[in-house]
N, C-alpha and C. Protein backbone atom coordinates (compact mmCIF):
# COMPACT_ATOMS: atom_id res chain seq x y z
N MET A 1 2.73 -6.56 -6.66
CA MET A 1 3.21 -5.18 -6.20
C MET A 1 1.94 -4.72 -5.64
N THR A 2 2.02 -4.47 -4.23
CA THR A 2 1.09 -3.99 -3.35
C THR A 2 1.30 -2.52 -3.29
N HIS A 3 0.02 -1.98 -3.27
CA HIS A 3 -0.17 -0.46 -3.29
C HIS A 3 -1.13 -0.08 -2.00
N ARG A 4 -0.69 0.94 -1.36
CA ARG A 4 -1.48 1.28 -0.21
C ARG A 4 -2.23 2.67 -0.45
N THR A 5 -3.47 2.80 0.01
CA THR A 5 -4.46 3.88 0.04
C THR A 5 -4.71 4.24 1.39
N THR A 6 -4.93 5.26 1.82
CA THR A 6 -5.25 5.60 3.18
C THR A 6 -6.54 6.45 3.13
N ILE A 7 -7.56 6.11 4.01
CA ILE A 7 -8.79 6.66 4.14
C ILE A 7 -9.06 6.91 5.67
N LYS A 8 -9.61 8.04 5.85
CA LYS A 8 -9.98 8.47 7.26
C LYS A 8 -11.23 8.22 7.46
N VAL A 9 -11.76 7.60 8.67
CA VAL A 9 -13.24 7.33 8.91
C VAL A 9 -13.76 8.59 9.39
N ARG A 10 -14.96 8.92 8.67
CA ARG A 10 -15.61 10.03 9.10
C ARG A 10 -17.08 9.54 9.58
N GLY A 11 -17.68 10.63 10.26
CA GLY A 11 -19.07 10.47 10.80
C GLY A 11 -20.01 9.70 9.78
N TYR A 12 -20.11 10.09 8.63
CA TYR A 12 -21.05 9.68 7.63
C TYR A 12 -20.66 8.18 7.32
N HIS A 13 -19.57 7.49 7.68
CA HIS A 13 -19.41 6.37 7.47
C HIS A 13 -19.94 5.20 8.55
N LEU A 14 -20.37 5.78 9.60
CA LEU A 14 -20.76 5.03 10.76
C LEU A 14 -22.27 4.54 10.71
N ASP A 15 -22.41 3.34 11.37
CA ASP A 15 -23.94 3.02 11.53
C ASP A 15 -24.39 3.47 12.92
N LEU A 16 -25.53 2.73 13.42
CA LEU A 16 -26.03 2.93 14.69
C LEU A 16 -25.13 2.67 15.96
N TYR A 17 -24.28 1.60 15.42
CA TYR A 17 -23.35 1.11 16.65
C TYR A 17 -22.07 1.90 16.67
N SER A 18 -21.82 3.06 15.93
CA SER A 18 -20.57 3.95 15.91
C SER A 18 -19.40 3.23 15.29
N HIS A 19 -19.63 2.16 14.41
CA HIS A 19 -18.64 1.70 13.67
C HIS A 19 -19.03 1.58 12.29
N VAL A 20 -17.74 1.50 11.39
CA VAL A 20 -17.98 1.72 9.95
C VAL A 20 -19.10 0.67 9.38
N ASN A 21 -20.22 1.21 8.82
CA ASN A 21 -21.23 0.26 8.13
C ASN A 21 -20.58 -0.67 7.27
N ASN A 22 -21.06 -1.86 7.14
CA ASN A 22 -20.38 -2.93 6.35
C ASN A 22 -20.38 -2.37 4.77
N ALA A 23 -21.59 -1.82 4.45
CA ALA A 23 -21.75 -1.38 2.80
C ALA A 23 -20.62 -0.51 2.64
N ARG A 24 -20.13 0.45 3.69
CA ARG A 24 -19.08 1.53 3.13
C ARG A 24 -17.70 0.81 2.81
N TYR A 25 -17.45 -0.34 3.35
CA TYR A 25 -16.32 -0.95 2.89
C TYR A 25 -16.07 -1.26 1.37
N LEU A 26 -17.42 -1.42 0.72
CA LEU A 26 -17.52 -1.52 -0.88
C LEU A 26 -16.73 -0.38 -1.28
N GLU A 27 -17.17 0.81 -0.96
CA GLU A 27 -16.88 2.22 -1.39
C GLU A 27 -15.27 2.27 -1.11
N PHE A 28 -14.98 2.02 0.13
CA PHE A 28 -13.40 2.12 0.41
C PHE A 28 -12.56 1.26 -0.40
N LEU A 29 -12.97 0.15 -0.68
CA LEU A 29 -12.25 -0.90 -1.54
C LEU A 29 -12.03 -0.33 -3.11
N GLU A 30 -13.44 0.16 -3.53
CA GLU A 30 -13.48 0.77 -4.82
C GLU A 30 -12.53 2.07 -5.07
N GLU A 31 -12.39 2.88 -4.00
CA GLU A 31 -11.54 3.95 -4.03
C GLU A 31 -10.17 3.54 -4.11
N ALA A 32 -9.91 2.56 -3.28
CA ALA A 32 -8.22 1.97 -3.22
C ALA A 32 -8.15 1.31 -4.54
N ARG A 33 -9.14 0.72 -5.32
CA ARG A 33 -8.82 -0.07 -6.62
C ARG A 33 -8.58 1.21 -7.64
N TRP A 34 -9.37 2.23 -7.56
CA TRP A 34 -9.18 3.28 -8.61
C TRP A 34 -7.83 3.77 -8.45
N THR A 35 -7.36 4.17 -7.08
CA THR A 35 -6.20 4.75 -6.94
C THR A 35 -4.96 3.95 -7.23
N PHE A 36 -4.93 2.63 -7.07
CA PHE A 36 -4.21 1.56 -7.51
C PHE A 36 -3.84 1.69 -8.97
N PHE A 37 -4.92 1.66 -9.74
CA PHE A 37 -4.79 1.67 -11.13
C PHE A 37 -4.39 3.04 -11.71
N GLU A 38 -4.68 4.10 -11.11
CA GLU A 38 -4.36 5.40 -11.49
C GLU A 38 -2.82 5.77 -11.34
N GLU A 39 -2.29 5.04 -10.11
CA GLU A 39 -0.91 5.32 -9.74
C GLU A 39 0.10 4.23 -10.22
N ARG A 40 -0.56 3.22 -10.80
CA ARG A 40 0.30 1.99 -11.10
C ARG A 40 0.12 1.73 -12.57
N ALA A 41 -0.68 2.33 -13.30
CA ALA A 41 -1.19 2.06 -14.87
C ALA A 41 -1.49 3.38 -15.42
N ASP A 42 -1.40 3.22 -16.81
CA ASP A 42 -1.80 4.45 -17.49
C ASP A 42 -3.37 4.36 -17.72
N LEU A 43 -3.92 4.94 -16.74
CA LEU A 43 -5.38 4.69 -16.79
C LEU A 43 -6.17 5.63 -17.91
N PRO A 44 -5.68 6.83 -18.27
CA PRO A 44 -6.31 7.17 -19.52
C PRO A 44 -6.34 6.32 -20.81
N ALA A 45 -5.02 5.84 -20.85
CA ALA A 45 -4.84 4.92 -22.11
C ALA A 45 -5.76 3.56 -21.90
N PHE A 46 -5.79 3.12 -20.76
CA PHE A 46 -6.61 1.83 -20.35
C PHE A 46 -8.14 2.05 -20.63
N LEU A 47 -8.49 3.10 -20.24
CA LEU A 47 -10.01 3.74 -20.30
C LEU A 47 -10.32 3.82 -21.94
N ALA A 48 -9.32 4.43 -22.69
CA ALA A 48 -9.72 4.53 -24.12
C ALA A 48 -9.60 3.40 -24.85
N SER A 49 -9.10 2.18 -24.41
CA SER A 49 -9.09 1.07 -25.21
C SER A 49 -10.35 0.42 -25.57
N GLY A 50 -11.56 0.79 -24.53
CA GLY A 50 -12.72 0.44 -24.64
C GLY A 50 -13.18 -0.86 -23.95
N ILE A 51 -12.15 -1.31 -23.27
CA ILE A 51 -12.17 -2.44 -22.16
C ILE A 51 -12.20 -2.06 -20.91
N ALA A 52 -13.38 -2.44 -20.18
CA ALA A 52 -13.63 -2.08 -18.78
C ALA A 52 -13.37 -3.46 -17.91
N LEU A 53 -12.93 -3.07 -16.66
CA LEU A 53 -12.79 -4.36 -15.70
C LEU A 53 -14.06 -3.97 -14.98
N ILE A 54 -14.84 -5.23 -15.05
CA ILE A 54 -16.28 -5.28 -14.43
C ILE A 54 -16.11 -6.28 -13.26
N VAL A 55 -16.58 -5.71 -11.99
CA VAL A 55 -16.58 -6.69 -10.88
C VAL A 55 -17.64 -7.65 -11.02
N VAL A 56 -17.45 -8.87 -10.80
CA VAL A 56 -18.36 -9.94 -10.98
C VAL A 56 -18.59 -10.78 -9.60
N ASN A 57 -17.80 -10.44 -8.68
CA ASN A 57 -17.92 -11.12 -7.24
C ASN A 57 -16.97 -10.37 -6.40
N ILE A 58 -17.58 -10.25 -5.05
CA ILE A 58 -16.67 -9.59 -4.12
C ILE A 58 -16.97 -10.47 -2.74
N ASN A 59 -15.85 -11.14 -2.22
CA ASN A 59 -15.91 -11.81 -0.90
C ASN A 59 -15.28 -10.84 0.15
N ILE A 60 -16.01 -10.58 1.16
CA ILE A 60 -15.34 -9.78 2.19
C ILE A 60 -15.30 -10.52 3.70
N ASP A 61 -14.26 -10.55 4.26
CA ASP A 61 -14.21 -11.00 5.53
C ASP A 61 -14.15 -9.82 6.50
N TYR A 62 -15.10 -9.63 7.40
CA TYR A 62 -14.89 -8.35 8.45
C TYR A 62 -14.39 -8.98 9.70
N ARG A 63 -13.39 -8.46 10.13
CA ARG A 63 -12.55 -8.88 11.43
C ARG A 63 -12.55 -8.02 12.39
N HIS A 64 -12.46 -6.69 12.36
CA HIS A 64 -12.42 -5.87 13.54
C HIS A 64 -13.02 -4.55 13.23
N PRO A 65 -14.03 -4.13 14.03
CA PRO A 65 -14.55 -2.72 13.75
C PRO A 65 -13.63 -1.61 13.54
N ALA A 66 -14.03 -0.77 12.73
CA ALA A 66 -13.23 0.66 12.56
C ALA A 66 -14.24 1.57 13.13
N THR A 67 -13.74 2.60 13.79
CA THR A 67 -14.52 3.67 14.37
C THR A 67 -14.21 5.09 13.74
N MET A 68 -14.88 6.21 14.27
CA MET A 68 -14.71 7.46 13.92
C MET A 68 -13.10 7.89 14.16
N ASN A 69 -12.67 8.51 13.14
CA ASN A 69 -11.51 9.06 13.10
C ASN A 69 -10.17 7.98 12.95
N ASP A 70 -10.58 6.71 12.91
CA ASP A 70 -9.56 5.70 12.49
C ASP A 70 -9.09 6.07 11.12
N GLU A 71 -7.64 5.86 11.06
CA GLU A 71 -7.14 6.00 9.77
C GLU A 71 -6.86 4.62 9.36
N LEU A 72 -7.69 4.31 7.91
CA LEU A 72 -7.48 2.93 7.33
C LEU A 72 -6.38 2.94 6.37
N ALA A 73 -5.72 1.80 6.35
CA ALA A 73 -4.57 1.74 5.28
C ALA A 73 -5.21 0.52 4.59
N ILE A 74 -5.44 0.68 3.10
CA ILE A 74 -6.01 -0.38 2.21
C ILE A 74 -4.83 -0.85 1.40
N ASP A 75 -4.40 -2.07 1.43
CA ASP A 75 -3.36 -2.59 0.74
C ASP A 75 -4.09 -3.51 -0.55
N THR A 76 -3.51 -3.14 -1.71
CA THR A 76 -4.28 -3.68 -2.93
C THR A 76 -3.27 -4.26 -3.74
N THR A 77 -3.44 -5.49 -4.36
CA THR A 77 -2.60 -6.15 -5.24
C THR A 77 -3.46 -7.07 -6.06
N VAL A 78 -2.90 -7.40 -7.28
CA VAL A 78 -3.50 -8.35 -8.12
C VAL A 78 -3.02 -9.66 -7.65
N LYS A 79 -4.04 -10.67 -7.38
CA LYS A 79 -3.89 -11.71 -6.64
C LYS A 79 -3.45 -12.98 -7.66
N SER A 80 -4.44 -12.90 -8.73
CA SER A 80 -4.13 -13.99 -9.89
C SER A 80 -4.87 -13.36 -11.23
N VAL A 81 -4.31 -13.87 -12.19
CA VAL A 81 -4.88 -13.54 -13.56
C VAL A 81 -5.19 -14.99 -14.27
N GLY A 82 -6.30 -15.00 -14.80
CA GLY A 82 -6.82 -16.27 -15.56
C GLY A 82 -7.02 -15.64 -16.94
N ASN A 83 -7.67 -16.71 -17.51
CA ASN A 83 -7.87 -16.39 -19.11
C ASN A 83 -9.00 -15.50 -19.26
N ARG A 84 -10.13 -15.35 -18.53
CA ARG A 84 -11.16 -14.50 -18.65
C ARG A 84 -11.55 -13.69 -17.39
N SER A 85 -10.99 -13.96 -16.40
CA SER A 85 -11.10 -13.15 -15.02
C SER A 85 -9.71 -13.04 -14.35
N ALA A 86 -9.83 -12.10 -13.31
CA ALA A 86 -8.84 -11.93 -12.46
C ALA A 86 -9.26 -11.68 -11.09
N VAL A 87 -8.40 -11.64 -10.10
CA VAL A 87 -8.77 -11.45 -8.58
C VAL A 87 -7.79 -10.32 -8.19
N ILE A 88 -8.57 -9.31 -7.50
CA ILE A 88 -7.68 -8.34 -6.78
C ILE A 88 -7.88 -8.65 -5.30
N HIS A 89 -6.75 -8.92 -4.61
CA HIS A 89 -6.92 -8.92 -3.08
C HIS A 89 -6.73 -7.66 -2.29
N GLN A 90 -7.54 -7.33 -1.45
CA GLN A 90 -7.27 -6.15 -0.76
C GLN A 90 -7.55 -6.41 0.95
N CYS A 91 -6.54 -5.80 1.49
CA CYS A 91 -6.44 -5.86 2.97
C CYS A 91 -6.70 -4.46 3.65
N VAL A 92 -7.67 -4.29 4.51
CA VAL A 92 -7.86 -2.98 5.22
C VAL A 92 -7.26 -3.21 6.53
N LYS A 93 -6.52 -2.25 6.94
CA LYS A 93 -5.85 -2.45 8.26
C LYS A 93 -6.05 -1.17 8.92
N LEU A 94 -5.96 -1.04 10.46
CA LEU A 94 -5.91 0.22 11.23
C LEU A 94 -4.47 0.58 10.95
N ALA A 95 -4.22 1.81 10.40
CA ALA A 95 -2.98 2.15 9.85
C ALA A 95 -2.06 2.37 11.26
N ALA A 96 -2.53 2.67 12.35
CA ALA A 96 -1.84 2.83 13.52
C ALA A 96 -1.20 1.53 14.20
N SER A 97 -1.70 0.49 13.70
CA SER A 97 -1.47 -0.83 14.38
C SER A 97 -1.20 -1.87 13.34
N ASP A 98 -1.59 -1.83 12.08
CA ASP A 98 -1.60 -2.65 11.36
C ASP A 98 -2.67 -3.99 11.59
N LYS A 99 -3.57 -3.83 12.62
CA LYS A 99 -4.64 -4.65 12.96
C LYS A 99 -5.49 -4.82 11.69
N ILE A 100 -5.78 -6.11 11.23
CA ILE A 100 -6.76 -6.10 10.06
C ILE A 100 -8.10 -5.94 10.47
N VAL A 101 -8.74 -5.21 9.66
CA VAL A 101 -10.13 -4.94 9.88
C VAL A 101 -10.78 -5.60 8.82
N ALA A 102 -10.52 -5.78 7.60
CA ALA A 102 -11.31 -6.62 6.59
C ALA A 102 -10.38 -6.85 5.70
N GLU A 103 -10.77 -8.04 4.99
CA GLU A 103 -10.08 -8.51 3.75
C GLU A 103 -11.10 -8.93 2.64
N ALA A 104 -10.75 -8.72 1.53
CA ALA A 104 -11.55 -9.04 0.25
C ALA A 104 -10.83 -9.52 -0.80
N ASP A 105 -11.59 -10.34 -1.58
CA ASP A 105 -11.15 -10.89 -2.90
C ASP A 105 -12.29 -10.37 -3.83
N VAL A 106 -11.72 -9.49 -4.80
CA VAL A 106 -12.57 -8.89 -5.76
C VAL A 106 -12.27 -9.61 -7.05
N THR A 107 -13.39 -10.31 -7.70
CA THR A 107 -13.09 -10.98 -9.08
C THR A 107 -13.74 -10.13 -10.15
N PHE A 108 -13.02 -9.87 -11.21
CA PHE A 108 -13.50 -9.15 -12.33
C PHE A 108 -13.25 -9.86 -13.58
N VAL A 109 -13.87 -9.39 -14.62
CA VAL A 109 -13.70 -9.82 -16.08
C VAL A 109 -13.37 -8.71 -16.95
N ALA A 110 -12.59 -8.67 -17.99
CA ALA A 110 -12.54 -7.65 -18.99
C ALA A 110 -13.56 -7.74 -19.81
N PHE A 111 -14.21 -6.40 -20.06
CA PHE A 111 -15.69 -6.33 -20.73
C PHE A 111 -15.46 -5.34 -21.85
N ASP A 112 -15.74 -5.90 -23.14
CA ASP A 112 -15.61 -5.09 -24.26
C ASP A 112 -17.14 -4.48 -24.36
N GLY A 113 -17.22 -3.35 -24.37
CA GLY A 113 -18.57 -2.32 -24.47
C GLY A 113 -19.13 -2.60 -25.85
N GLN A 114 -18.16 -2.57 -26.89
CA GLN A 114 -18.74 -2.61 -28.26
C GLN A 114 -19.38 -4.05 -28.53
N GLN A 115 -18.64 -5.17 -28.02
CA GLN A 115 -19.20 -6.60 -28.25
C GLN A 115 -20.27 -6.82 -27.21
N ASN A 116 -20.31 -6.07 -26.09
CA ASN A 116 -21.22 -6.51 -25.10
C ASN A 116 -21.02 -7.74 -24.41
N LYS A 117 -19.73 -7.82 -24.16
CA LYS A 117 -19.47 -9.28 -23.51
C LYS A 117 -18.00 -9.42 -22.89
N ALA A 118 -17.83 -10.29 -22.17
CA ALA A 118 -16.58 -10.50 -21.53
C ALA A 118 -15.64 -10.97 -22.54
N VAL A 119 -14.29 -10.60 -22.55
CA VAL A 119 -13.27 -11.01 -23.55
C VAL A 119 -12.26 -11.61 -22.75
N PRO A 120 -11.51 -12.49 -23.38
CA PRO A 120 -10.10 -12.97 -22.80
C PRO A 120 -9.20 -11.84 -22.24
N ILE A 121 -8.55 -12.11 -21.25
CA ILE A 121 -7.38 -11.20 -20.71
C ILE A 121 -6.27 -11.53 -21.52
N GLU A 122 -5.91 -10.68 -22.45
CA GLU A 122 -4.75 -10.98 -23.18
C GLU A 122 -3.90 -9.76 -23.62
N GLY A 123 -2.77 -9.73 -24.27
CA GLY A 123 -2.03 -8.71 -24.87
C GLY A 123 -1.66 -7.70 -23.75
N LYS A 124 -1.82 -6.41 -23.92
CA LYS A 124 -1.28 -5.45 -23.00
C LYS A 124 -2.25 -5.44 -21.68
N MET A 125 -3.41 -5.93 -21.64
CA MET A 125 -4.14 -5.95 -20.50
C MET A 125 -3.49 -7.19 -19.51
N ARG A 126 -3.00 -8.24 -20.23
CA ARG A 126 -2.39 -9.32 -19.47
C ARG A 126 -1.12 -8.98 -18.87
N GLU A 127 -0.24 -8.15 -19.78
CA GLU A 127 0.95 -7.60 -19.44
C GLU A 127 0.74 -6.69 -18.04
N LEU A 128 -0.02 -5.98 -18.36
CA LEU A 128 -0.34 -5.01 -17.13
C LEU A 128 -0.89 -5.65 -15.81
N LEU A 129 -1.72 -6.53 -16.00
CA LEU A 129 -2.22 -7.16 -14.73
C LEU A 129 -1.39 -8.12 -14.03
N THR A 130 -0.46 -8.90 -14.92
CA THR A 130 0.62 -9.78 -14.39
C THR A 130 1.72 -8.94 -13.89
N GLY A 131 1.95 -7.85 -14.39
CA GLY A 131 2.89 -6.99 -13.78
C GLY A 131 2.72 -6.34 -12.47
N LEU A 132 1.31 -6.31 -12.31
CA LEU A 132 0.84 -5.87 -11.03
C LEU A 132 0.60 -6.89 -9.72
N GLN A 133 0.77 -8.16 -10.43
CA GLN A 133 0.52 -9.15 -9.28
C GLN A 133 1.67 -9.18 -8.27
N HIS A 134 1.02 -9.47 -6.84
CA HIS A 134 1.98 -9.54 -5.95
C HIS A 134 3.02 -10.57 -6.14
N GLN A 135 4.25 -10.22 -5.82
CA GLN A 135 5.52 -11.30 -6.11
C GLN A 135 5.73 -11.68 -4.52
N ALA A 136 5.52 -12.93 -4.27
CA ALA A 136 5.74 -13.49 -2.94
C ALA A 136 7.22 -13.65 -2.68
């Protein structure tokens, strides 16, 4: 199930070459993931469970520069769910043309703060994540 978040490029997102600084994409991707879970899951109940989704790896491929006033569409979906980790795929496009600006795979684990360790993805967490998986 793909979710779309739109972000407008502002001046403070730019680097010396007048295109979006690579580090800003991490913020854009995070904003899109938060919006994805806010709109597609019961985020307050999830947060109250004491289990957090902790990012352990991000791979980003930058394909095309984004510049001032571009509107970016970030498509987010759960790509895969394993026993102890899952992957969210995100694709950043220029909203006006669907040209791909960047793509990322974000790997995360379910982390129990009380136990201070990663825990298996099971029960309601597994149901939620598999329900959010992209169906080809």
